[in-house]
Amino acid sequence: MTEQNTQTPPPATDQNAPVVNPQAVYIKDCSFEAPNGPFVNAQGNPQVNLNISTRATALAQDLHEIVVQVNLEAKAGDKVVWLLELQQAGAFLIRNLSAADLAQVVSIVAPNYLMSFARATVSELVVKGGFPPFLLPLVTFEALHARAQQQAAQQAATAPPASSVN
């Protein structure tokens, strides 16, 4: 007697369903400098200047590279204590999204995902440089995205109309 499979097969996946999947997370570029090592005579904590930016590049159809660029400079008075530059990158498979949803994934969702990796790398590098860990603050990529859209809308509104030549 043979056994029959009475289980129902899983439903077929919808080929048109939205897809956002990280494929790889990696350090694209990294630099740490401590000109005097941890032997800087500084009173109190150094002043840290932080600059974060993002960029996106299409690598192939449905495959996008998102890079979070972190630049940090710690200074005690006029002396540089340490400098750190990091490009934390990820390749994301993104499919079946509207242009507006794609823009949100590229400028909000993916950078938020990559920030935890960037935080760990920054902290580890600063500690390996002989300094107390530096923890990157929370970043509101939603606000940065909204500001970029507002600036683009303002530029479009103030741009002179295109002239037509007959």
Protein backbone atom coordinates (compact mmCIF):
# COMPACT_ATOMS: atom_id res chain seq x y z
CA MET A 1 0.00 0.00 0.00
CA THR A 2 1.35 3.43 -0.86
CA GLU A 3 0.95 6.51 1.28
CA GLN A 4 -0.70 9.51 -0.19
CA ASN A 5 0.36 13.01 0.66
CA THR A 6 -2.71 14.74 2.03
CA GLN A 7 -0.96 18.03 2.74
CA THR A 8 -1.89 20.92 0.52
CA PRO A 9 1.03 22.44 -1.34
CA PRO A 10 2.08 25.94 -0.27
CA PRO A 11 0.54 28.71 -2.35
CA ALA A 12 2.65 29.95 -5.22
CA THR A 13 4.49 33.15 -4.49
CA ASP A 14 3.14 36.25 -6.18
CA GLN A 15 5.67 37.33 -8.80
CA ASN A 16 4.32 40.89 -8.60
CA ALA A 17 4.64 41.23 -4.83
CA PRO A 18 6.98 43.98 -3.60
CA VAL A 19 10.46 42.70 -2.70
CA VAL A 20 13.14 44.41 -0.60
CA ASN A 21 15.93 42.03 0.41
CA PRO A 22 19.48 42.83 1.48
CA GLN A 23 21.92 40.73 -0.55
CA ALA A 24 25.21 41.88 1.00
CA VAL A 25 26.46 44.30 3.64
CA TYR A 26 30.07 45.45 3.42
CA ILE A 27 32.57 48.19 4.15
CA LYS A 28 33.21 49.95 0.86
CA ASP A 29 35.86 52.29 2.25
CA CYS A 30 37.23 53.01 5.69
CA SER A 31 39.90 55.22 7.23
CA PHE A 32 40.86 55.90 10.86
CA GLU A 33 43.61 58.30 11.87
CA ALA A 34 44.86 59.20 15.34
CA PRO A 35 47.80 61.57 14.68
CA ASN A 36 49.05 61.38 18.29
CA GLY A 37 47.56 58.05 19.27
CA PRO A 38 45.63 58.12 22.53
CA PHE A 39 48.25 60.46 24.07
CA VAL A 40 46.53 63.79 23.48
CA ASN A 41 46.57 66.13 26.44
CA ALA A 42 42.96 67.19 26.42
CA GLN A 43 40.85 68.61 29.18
CA GLY A 44 37.45 66.92 29.14
CA ASN A 45 35.87 65.21 26.17
CA PRO A 46 36.87 66.17 22.64
CA GLN A 47 34.40 67.98 20.39
CA VAL A 48 33.16 65.56 17.71
CA ASN A 49 31.89 66.83 14.37
CA LEU A 50 29.65 64.39 12.53
CA ASN A 51 28.54 64.41 8.90
CA ILE A 52 26.35 61.64 7.46
CA SER A 53 25.19 61.32 3.87
CA THR A 54 23.77 58.60 1.66
CA ARG A 55 23.88 57.72 -2.00
CA ALA A 56 22.31 55.04 -4.16
CA THR A 57 23.51 53.45 -7.37
CA ALA A 58 21.71 50.96 -9.59
CA LEU A 59 24.05 47.98 -10.05
CA ALA A 60 21.73 45.94 -12.26
CA GLN A 61 18.03 45.60 -12.86
CA ASP A 62 16.40 45.39 -9.41
CA LEU A 63 19.80 45.51 -7.62
CA HIS A 64 20.81 48.74 -5.87
CA GLU A 65 23.88 49.67 -3.86
CA ILE A 66 23.15 51.98 -0.95
CA VAL A 67 26.08 53.69 0.80
CA VAL A 68 25.97 55.48 4.13
CA GLN A 69 28.96 57.83 4.36
CA VAL A 70 30.02 58.72 7.93
CA ASN A 71 32.69 61.37 8.55
CA LEU A 72 33.79 62.07 12.11
CA GLU A 73 36.41 64.46 13.43
CA ALA A 74 37.26 64.58 17.15
CA LYS A 75 39.17 67.69 18.23
CA ALA A 76 40.51 68.88 21.56
CA GLY A 77 40.95 72.60 21.14
CA ASP A 78 42.83 72.98 17.87
CA LYS A 79 44.36 69.48 17.99
CA VAL A 80 42.86 66.62 16.02
CA VAL A 81 42.36 63.65 18.35
CA TRP A 82 41.06 61.26 15.69
CA LEU A 83 39.45 61.22 12.25
CA LEU A 84 37.20 58.51 10.91
CA GLU A 85 35.69 58.08 7.47
CA LEU A 86 33.44 55.12 6.72
CA GLN A 87 31.41 54.07 3.72
CA GLN A 88 29.06 51.35 4.97
CA ALA A 89 27.39 49.79 1.95
CA GLY A 90 24.75 47.26 1.12
CA ALA A 91 23.39 45.66 -2.02
CA PHE A 92 19.61 45.39 -1.99
CA LEU A 93 17.29 43.48 -4.27
CA ILE A 94 14.36 45.86 -4.80
CA ARG A 95 11.54 44.85 -7.12
CA ASN A 96 7.91 45.70 -7.90
CA LEU A 97 7.77 49.08 -6.17
CA SER A 98 6.35 52.36 -7.41
CA ALA A 99 8.84 55.19 -7.97
CA ALA A 100 7.77 56.86 -4.71
CA ASP A 101 8.14 53.62 -2.72
CA LEU A 102 11.51 52.92 -4.34
CA ALA A 103 12.70 56.40 -3.34
CA GLN A 104 11.65 55.74 0.27
CA VAL A 105 13.39 52.37 0.40
CA VAL A 106 16.60 53.80 -1.07
CA SER A 107 16.70 56.89 1.13
CA ILE A 108 15.05 55.69 4.36
CA VAL A 109 14.70 51.91 4.79
CA ALA A 110 18.10 50.81 3.45
CA PRO A 111 20.12 53.52 5.28
CA ASN A 112 18.30 52.69 8.53
CA TYR A 113 19.25 49.03 8.01
CA LEU A 114 22.90 49.91 7.33
CA MET A 115 23.27 52.28 10.32
CA SER A 116 23.50 49.44 12.86
CA PHE A 117 26.49 48.06 10.96
CA ALA A 118 28.04 51.53 10.74
CA ARG A 119 27.55 52.09 14.51
CA ALA A 120 29.36 48.84 15.32
CA THR A 121 32.23 49.62 12.93
CA VAL A 122 32.70 53.18 14.21
CA SER A 123 32.70 52.09 17.84
CA GLU A 124 35.13 49.24 17.18
CA LEU A 125 37.56 51.42 15.22
CA VAL A 126 37.61 54.17 17.84
CA VAL A 127 38.23 51.62 20.61
CA LYS A 128 40.99 49.94 18.59
CA GLY A 129 42.53 53.40 18.22
CA GLY A 130 42.91 53.52 22.01
CA PHE A 131 39.94 55.77 22.79
CA PRO A 132 36.63 55.27 24.60
CA PRO A 133 33.89 54.00 22.26
CA PHE A 134 31.98 56.56 20.24
CA LEU A 135 28.32 55.74 19.64
CA LEU A 136 26.72 57.23 16.56
CA PRO A 137 23.48 59.00 17.45
CA LEU A 138 20.14 58.00 16.02
CA VAL A 139 19.59 59.46 12.58
CA THR A 140 16.18 60.35 11.20
CA PHE A 141 16.51 59.43 7.54
CA GLU A 142 12.79 60.16 7.16
CA ALA A 143 13.44 63.83 7.90
CA LEU A 144 16.43 63.89 5.55
CA HIS A 145 14.30 62.34 2.78
CA ALA A 146 11.49 64.85 3.36
CA ARG A 147 13.99 67.74 3.29
CA ALA A 148 15.52 66.49 0.03
CA GLN A 149 12.07 66.22 -1.57
CA GLN A 150 11.16 69.71 -0.37
CA GLN A 151 14.40 71.15 -1.80
CA ALA A 152 13.80 69.38 -5.12
CA ALA A 153 10.26 70.79 -5.27
CA GLN A 154 11.54 74.31 -4.50
CA GLN A 155 14.20 74.04 -7.20
CA ALA A 156 11.61 72.83 -9.70
CA ALA A 157 9.31 75.72 -8.78
CA THR A 158 12.03 78.36 -9.13
CA ALA A 159 13.60 76.93 -12.29
CA PRO A 160 12.86 78.98 -15.38
CA PRO A 161 10.46 77.29 -17.78
CA ALA A 162 12.14 75.44 -20.60
CA SER A 163 12.01 77.43 -23.80
CA SER A 164 11.00 75.73 -26.99
CA VAL A 165 12.70 76.40 -30.28
CA ASN A 166 10.74 76.00 -33.50
